[in-house]
Amino acid sequence: MARASANLAAGDFVRSVWLEMKRVTWPTRDEWVGATVLTIGLVVCLGIFTYVADQFFGFLFNFVHPF
C-alpha cells in the first residue's frame, strides 16, 4: 500500500510542477538574447580585470621582492 501512496504523491508532484510551469512568464527572444549578451560581456570584462590585476600585483611583488 505504501508503494501506491508513493506513486500518488509522485503523480501529484509532477502535476503540480506542470501547472506551475504553465504559469511562468517566459522571457521573449529579445530578452533572452539581451541577457545572454550581457552575461557574456560581464564575464569577459571580469576576466580582463582579473588578468590586469594579476599582472599588476605580479609586477608589484617582483618590484618589492626581486628574485
PDB file of N, CA and C in Angstrom:
ATOM      1  N   MET A   1       0.812  -1.189   0.000  1.00  0.00           N
ATOM      2  CA  MET A   1       0.000   0.000   0.000  1.00  0.00           C
ATOM      3  C   MET A   1       0.858   1.256   0.000  1.00  0.00           C
ATOM      4  N   ALA A   2       2.037   1.186   0.625  1.00  0.00           N
ATOM      5  CA  ALA A   2       2.920   2.350   0.682  1.00  0.00           C
ATOM      6  C   ALA A   2       3.390   2.725  -0.723  1.00  0.00           C
ATOM      7  N   ARG A   3       3.560   1.727  -1.582  1.00  0.00           N
ATOM      8  CA  ARG A   3       4.023   1.995  -2.941  1.00  0.00           C
ATOM      9  C   ARG A   3       2.978   2.787  -3.728  1.00  0.00           C
ATOM     10  N   ALA A   4       1.707   2.430  -3.582  1.00  0.00           N
ATOM     11  CA  ALA A   4       0.639   3.147  -4.266  1.00  0.00           C
ATOM     12  C   ALA A   4       0.580   4.591  -3.774  1.00  0.00           C
ATOM     13  N   SER A   5       0.804   4.782  -2.487  1.00  0.00           N
ATOM     14  CA  SER A   5       0.813   6.130  -1.922  1.00  0.00           C
ATOM     15  C   SER A   5       1.978   6.936  -2.476  1.00  0.00           C
ATOM     16  N   ALA A   6       3.128   6.297  -2.632  1.00  0.00           N
ATOM     17  CA  ALA A   6       4.300   6.977  -3.185  1.00  0.00           C
ATOM     18  C   ALA A   6       4.054   7.350  -4.641  1.00  0.00           C
ATOM     19  N   ASN A   7       3.421   6.448  -5.409  1.00  0.00           N
ATOM     20  CA  ASN A   7       3.113   6.757  -6.804  1.00  0.00           C
ATOM     21  C   ASN A   7       2.131   7.912  -6.899  1.00  0.00           C
ATOM     22  N   LEU A   8       1.145   7.927  -5.998  1.00  0.00           N
ATOM     23  CA  LEU A   8       0.174   9.011  -5.978  1.00  0.00           C
ATOM     24  C   LEU A   8       0.862  10.329  -5.650  1.00  0.00           C
ATOM     25  N   ALA A   9       1.761  10.298  -4.672  1.00  0.00           N
ATOM     26  CA  ALA A   9       2.492  11.512  -4.291  1.00  0.00           C
ATOM     27  C   ALA A   9       3.376  11.985  -5.444  1.00  0.00           C
ATOM     28  N   ALA A  10       4.023  11.059  -6.132  1.00  0.00           N
ATOM     29  CA  ALA A  10       4.867  11.428  -7.265  1.00  0.00           C
ATOM     30  C   ALA A  10       4.013  12.015  -8.384  1.00  0.00           C
ATOM     31  N   GLY A  11       2.872  11.415  -8.627  1.00  0.00           N
ATOM     32  CA  GLY A  11       1.977  11.933  -9.667  1.00  0.00           C
ATOM     33  C   GLY A  11       1.472  13.324  -9.334  1.00  0.00           C
ATOM     34  N   ASP A  12       1.112  13.542  -8.062  1.00  0.00           N
ATOM     35  CA  ASP A  12       0.675  14.880  -7.630  1.00  0.00           C
ATOM     36  C   ASP A  12       1.796  15.892  -7.802  1.00  0.00           C
ATOM     37  N   PHE A  13       2.999  15.476  -7.475  1.00  0.00           N
ATOM     38  CA  PHE A  13       4.147  16.372  -7.620  1.00  0.00           C
ATOM     39  C   PHE A  13       4.350  16.766  -9.079  1.00  0.00           C
ATOM     40  N   VAL A  14       4.330  15.789  -9.971  1.00  0.00           N
ATOM     41  CA  VAL A  14       4.530  16.061 -11.406  1.00  0.00           C
ATOM     42  C   VAL A  14       3.422  16.975 -11.924  1.00  0.00           C
ATOM     43  N   ARG A  15       2.182  16.725 -11.527  1.00  0.00           N
ATOM     44  CA  ARG A  15       1.071  17.595 -11.951  1.00  0.00           C
ATOM     45  C   ARG A  15       1.252  19.013 -11.426  1.00  0.00           C
ATOM     46  N   SER A  16       1.683  19.135 -10.188  1.00  0.00           N
ATOM     47  CA  SER A  16       1.900  20.464  -9.603  1.00  0.00           C
ATOM     48  C   SER A  16       3.005  21.205 -10.342  1.00  0.00           C
ATOM     49  N   VAL A  17       4.076  20.505 -10.643  1.00  0.00           N
ATOM     50  CA  VAL A  17       5.179  21.132 -11.383  1.00  0.00           C
ATOM     51  C   VAL A  17       4.693  21.564 -12.761  1.00  0.00           C
ATOM     52  N   TRP A  18       3.941  20.705 -13.430  1.00  0.00           N
ATOM     53  CA  TRP A  18       3.432  21.019 -14.772  1.00  0.00           C
ATOM     54  C   TRP A  18       2.542  22.264 -14.742  1.00  0.00           C
ATOM     55  N   LEU A  19       1.648  22.349 -13.774  1.00  0.00           N
ATOM     56  CA  LEU A  19       0.767  23.516 -13.651  1.00  0.00           C
ATOM     57  C   LEU A  19       1.559  24.780 -13.343  1.00  0.00           C
ATOM     58  N   GLU A  20       2.564  24.658 -12.492  1.00  0.00           N
ATOM     59  CA  GLU A  20       3.380  25.822 -12.143  1.00  0.00           C
ATOM     60  C   GLU A  20       4.177  26.309 -13.357  1.00  0.00           C
ATOM     61  N   MET A  21       4.678  25.380 -14.151  1.00  0.00           N
ATOM     62  CA  MET A  21       5.448  25.745 -15.343  1.00  0.00           C
ATOM     63  C   MET A  21       4.570  26.461 -16.373  1.00  0.00           C
ATOM     64  N   LYS A  22       3.287  26.141 -16.396  1.00  0.00           N
ATOM     65  CA  LYS A  22       2.374  26.820 -17.318  1.00  0.00           C
ATOM     66  C   LYS A  22       2.115  28.258 -16.885  1.00  0.00           C
ATOM     67  N   ARG A  23       2.293  28.549 -15.583  1.00  0.00           N
ATOM     68  CA  ARG A  23       2.063  29.902 -15.070  1.00  0.00           C
ATOM     69  C   ARG A  23       3.286  30.804 -15.185  1.00  0.00           C
ATOM     70  N   VAL A  24       4.422  30.238 -15.515  1.00  0.00           N
ATOM     71  CA  VAL A  24       5.656  31.022 -15.606  1.00  0.00           C
ATOM     72  C   VAL A  24       5.573  31.984 -16.784  1.00  0.00           C
ATOM     73  N   THR A  25       6.035  33.204 -16.574  1.00  0.00           N
ATOM     74  CA  THR A  25       6.143  34.172 -17.662  1.00  0.00           C
ATOM     75  C   THR A  25       7.536  34.028 -18.261  1.00  0.00           C
ATOM     76  N   TRP A  26       7.609  33.388 -19.413  1.00  0.00           N
ATOM     77  CA  TRP A  26       8.891  33.125 -20.039  1.00  0.00           C
ATOM     78  C   TRP A  26       9.379  34.377 -20.766  1.00  0.00           C
ATOM     79  N   PRO A  27      10.702  34.608 -20.794  1.00  0.00           N
ATOM     80  CA  PRO A  27      11.222  35.792 -21.488  1.00  0.00           C
ATOM     81  C   PRO A  27      11.058  35.661 -23.005  1.00  0.00           C
ATOM     82  N   THR A  28      10.960  36.819 -23.639  1.00  0.00           N
ATOM     83  CA  THR A  28      10.897  36.823 -25.099  1.00  0.00           C
ATOM     84  C   THR A  28      12.284  36.530 -25.655  1.00  0.00           C
ATOM     85  N   ARG A  29      12.335  36.296 -26.960  1.00  0.00           N
ATOM     86  CA  ARG A  29      13.630  36.011 -27.582  1.00  0.00           C
ATOM     87  C   ARG A  29      14.582  37.190 -27.423  1.00  0.00           C
ATOM     88  N   ASP A  30      14.077  38.418 -27.575  1.00  0.00           N
ATOM     89  CA  ASP A  30      14.925  39.599 -27.423  1.00  0.00           C
ATOM     90  C   ASP A  30      15.460  39.713 -25.994  1.00  0.00           C
ATOM     91  N   GLU A  31      14.620  39.438 -24.991  1.00  0.00           N
ATOM     92  CA  GLU A  31      15.076  39.470 -23.605  1.00  0.00           C
ATOM     93  C   GLU A  31      16.129  38.389 -23.360  1.00  0.00           C
ATOM     94  N   TRP A  32      15.902  37.223 -23.920  1.00  0.00           N
ATOM     95  CA  TRP A  32      16.826  36.099 -23.757  1.00  0.00           C
ATOM     96  C   TRP A  32      18.181  36.435 -24.369  1.00  0.00           C
ATOM     97  N   VAL A  33      18.171  36.964 -25.588  1.00  0.00           N
ATOM     98  CA  VAL A  33      19.425  37.318 -26.270  1.00  0.00           C
ATOM     99  C   VAL A  33      20.130  38.437 -25.514  1.00  0.00           C
ATOM    100  N   GLY A  34      19.372  39.455 -25.075  1.00  0.00           N
ATOM    101  CA  GLY A  34      19.971  40.563 -24.336  1.00  0.00           C
ATOM    102  C   GLY A  34      20.631  40.099 -23.047  1.00  0.00           C
ATOM    103  N   ALA A  35      19.972  39.230 -22.310  1.00  0.00           N
ATOM    104  CA  ALA A  35      20.534  38.715 -21.061  1.00  0.00           C
ATOM    105  C   ALA A  35      21.784  37.879 -21.327  1.00  0.00           C
ATOM    106  N   THR A  36      21.764  37.113 -22.415  1.00  0.00           N
ATOM    107  CA  THR A  36      22.921  36.286 -22.759  1.00  0.00           C
ATOM    108  C   THR A  36      24.113  37.154 -23.142  1.00  0.00           C
ATOM    109  N   VAL A  37      23.872  38.175 -23.965  1.00  0.00           N
ATOM    110  CA  VAL A  37      24.950  39.087 -24.375  1.00  0.00           C
ATOM    111  C   VAL A  37      25.510  39.820 -23.157  1.00  0.00           C
ATOM    112  N   LEU A  38      24.640  40.272 -22.273  1.00  0.00           N
ATOM    113  CA  LEU A  38      25.078  40.951 -21.060  1.00  0.00           C
ATOM    114  C   LEU A  38      25.935  40.028 -20.199  1.00  0.00           C
ATOM    115  N   THR A  39      25.516  38.792 -20.029  1.00  0.00           N
ATOM    116  CA  THR A  39      26.266  37.835 -19.223  1.00  0.00           C
ATOM    117  C   THR A  39      27.643  37.578 -19.821  1.00  0.00           C
ATOM    118  N   ILE A  40      27.701  37.352 -21.137  1.00  0.00           N
ATOM    119  CA  ILE A  40      28.992  37.101 -21.794  1.00  0.00           C
ATOM    120  C   ILE A  40      29.885  38.332 -21.669  1.00  0.00           C
ATOM    121  N   GLY A  41      29.317  39.531 -21.855  1.00  0.00           N
ATOM    122  CA  GLY A  41      30.097  40.759 -21.726  1.00  0.00           C
ATOM    123  C   GLY A  41      30.660  40.931 -20.327  1.00  0.00           C
ATOM    124  N   LEU A  42      29.843  40.664 -19.308  1.00  0.00           N
ATOM    125  CA  LEU A  42      30.316  40.796 -17.931  1.00  0.00           C
ATOM    126  C   LEU A  42      31.399  39.771 -17.614  1.00  0.00           C
ATOM    127  N   VAL A  43      31.265  38.566 -18.113  1.00  0.00           N
ATOM    128  CA  VAL A  43      32.277  37.534 -17.873  1.00  0.00           C
ATOM    129  C   VAL A  43      33.594  37.931 -18.533  1.00  0.00           C
ATOM    130  N   VAL A  44      33.534  38.459 -19.757  1.00  0.00           N
ATOM    131  CA  VAL A  44      34.748  38.896 -20.448  1.00  0.00           C
ATOM    132  C   VAL A  44      35.401  40.055 -19.694  1.00  0.00           C
ATOM    133  N   CYS A  45      34.593  41.041 -19.254  1.00  0.00           N
ATOM    134  CA  CYS A  45      35.132  42.185 -18.502  1.00  0.00           C
ATOM    135  C   CYS A  45      35.767  41.729 -17.194  1.00  0.00           C
ATOM    136  N   LEU A  46      35.125  40.815 -16.505  1.00  0.00           N
ATOM    137  CA  LEU A  46      35.678  40.307 -15.254  1.00  0.00           C
ATOM    138  C   LEU A  46      36.976  39.544 -15.507  1.00  0.00           C
ATOM    139  N   GLY A  47      37.040  38.805 -16.591  1.00  0.00           N
ATOM    140  CA  GLY A  47      38.268  38.094 -16.942  1.00  0.00           C
ATOM    141  C   GLY A  47      39.402  39.052 -17.253  1.00  0.00           C
ATOM    142  N   ILE A  48      39.105  40.111 -17.994  1.00  0.00           N
ATOM    143  CA  ILE A  48      40.135  41.110 -18.314  1.00  0.00           C
ATOM    144  C   ILE A  48      40.597  41.813 -17.042  1.00  0.00           C
ATOM    145  N   PHE A  49      39.646  42.182 -16.181  1.00  0.00           N
ATOM    146  CA  PHE A  49      40.003  42.834 -14.917  1.00  0.00           C
ATOM    147  C   PHE A  49      40.905  41.923 -14.080  1.00  0.00           C
ATOM    148  N   THR A  50      40.555  40.645 -13.982  1.00  0.00           N
ATOM    149  CA  THR A  50      41.349  39.695 -13.196  1.00  0.00           C
ATOM    150  C   THR A  50      42.752  39.558 -13.777  1.00  0.00           C
ATOM    151  N   TYR A  51      42.855  39.493 -15.106  1.00  0.00           N
ATOM    152  CA  TYR A  51      44.161  39.387 -15.759  1.00  0.00           C
ATOM    153  C   TYR A  51      45.015  40.619 -15.473  1.00  0.00           C
ATOM    154  N   VAL A  52      44.418  41.816 -15.612  1.00  0.00           N
ATOM    155  CA  VAL A  52      45.161  43.055 -15.374  1.00  0.00           C
ATOM    156  C   VAL A  52      45.594  43.140 -13.911  1.00  0.00           C
ATOM    157  N   ALA A  53      44.696  42.800 -12.982  1.00  0.00           N
ATOM    158  CA  ALA A  53      45.049  42.831 -11.565  1.00  0.00           C
ATOM    159  C   ALA A  53      46.168  41.839 -11.264  1.00  0.00           C
ATOM    160  N   ASP A  54      46.124  40.657 -11.848  1.00  0.00           N
ATOM    161  CA  ASP A  54      47.170  39.652 -11.646  1.00  0.00           C
ATOM    162  C   ASP A  54      48.510  40.156 -12.169  1.00  0.00           C
ATOM    163  N   GLN A  55      48.510  40.762 -13.350  1.00  0.00           N
ATOM    164  CA  GLN A  55      49.748  41.299 -13.905  1.00  0.00           C
ATOM    165  C   GLN A  55      50.295  42.419 -13.025  1.00  0.00           C
ATOM    166  N   PHE A  56      49.405  43.302 -12.571  1.00  0.00           N
ATOM    167  CA  PHE A  56      49.825  44.427 -11.733  1.00  0.00           C
ATOM    168  C   PHE A  56      50.436  43.936 -10.420  1.00  0.00           C
ATOM    169  N   PHE A  57      49.744  43.023  -9.734  1.00  0.00           N
ATOM    170  CA  PHE A  57      50.261  42.547  -8.462  1.00  0.00           C
ATOM    171  C   PHE A  57      51.513  41.693  -8.647  1.00  0.00           C
ATOM    172  N   GLY A  58      51.622  40.976  -9.754  1.00  0.00           N
ATOM    173  CA  GLY A  58      52.856  40.248 -10.058  1.00  0.00           C
ATOM    174  C   GLY A  58      54.015  41.205 -10.257  1.00  0.00           C
ATOM    175  N   PHE A  59      53.783  42.288 -11.004  1.00  0.00           N
ATOM    176  CA  PHE A  59      54.821  43.303 -11.206  1.00  0.00           C
ATOM    177  C   PHE A  59      55.201  43.937  -9.874  1.00  0.00           C
ATOM    178  N   LEU A  60      54.180  44.293  -9.067  1.00  0.00           N
ATOM    179  CA  LEU A  60      54.420  44.928  -7.775  1.00  0.00           C
ATOM    180  C   LEU A  60      55.214  44.002  -6.857  1.00  0.00           C
ATOM    181  N   PHE A  61      54.862  42.729  -6.816  1.00  0.00           N
ATOM    182  CA  PHE A  61      55.586  41.771  -5.979  1.00  0.00           C
ATOM    183  C   PHE A  61      57.033  41.644  -6.431  1.00  0.00           C
ATOM    184  N   ASN A  62      57.253  41.551  -7.746  1.00  0.00           N
ATOM    185  CA  ASN A  62      58.633  41.437  -8.258  1.00  0.00           C
ATOM    186  C   ASN A  62      59.422  42.711  -8.024  1.00  0.00           C
ATOM    187  N   PHE A  63      58.749  43.848  -8.006  1.00  0.00           N
ATOM    188  CA  PHE A  63      59.426  45.123  -7.735  1.00  0.00           C
ATOM    189  C   PHE A  63      59.851  45.199  -6.268  1.00  0.00           C
ATOM    190  N   VAL A  64      58.977  44.765  -5.372  1.00  0.00           N
ATOM    191  CA  VAL A  64      59.263  44.827  -3.932  1.00  0.00           C
ATOM    192  C   VAL A  64      60.202  43.726  -3.508  1.00  0.00           C
ATOM    193  N   HIS A  65      60.047  42.554  -4.074  1.00  0.00           N
ATOM    194  CA  HIS A  65      60.835  41.389  -3.658  1.00  0.00           C
ATOM    195  C   HIS A  65      61.447  40.709  -4.888  1.00  0.00           C
ATOM    196  N   PRO A  66      62.522  41.292  -5.450  1.00  0.00           N
ATOM    197  CA  PRO A  66      63.109  40.676  -6.653  1.00  0.00           C
ATOM    198  C   PRO A  66      63.790  39.344  -6.314  1.00  0.00           C
ATOM    199  N   PHE A  67      63.871  38.495  -7.316  1.00  0.00           N
ATOM    200  CA  PHE A  67      64.485  37.193  -7.098  1.00  0.00           C
ATOM    201  C   PHE A  67      65.940  37.365  -6.997  1.00  0.00           C
TER     202      PHE A  67
END
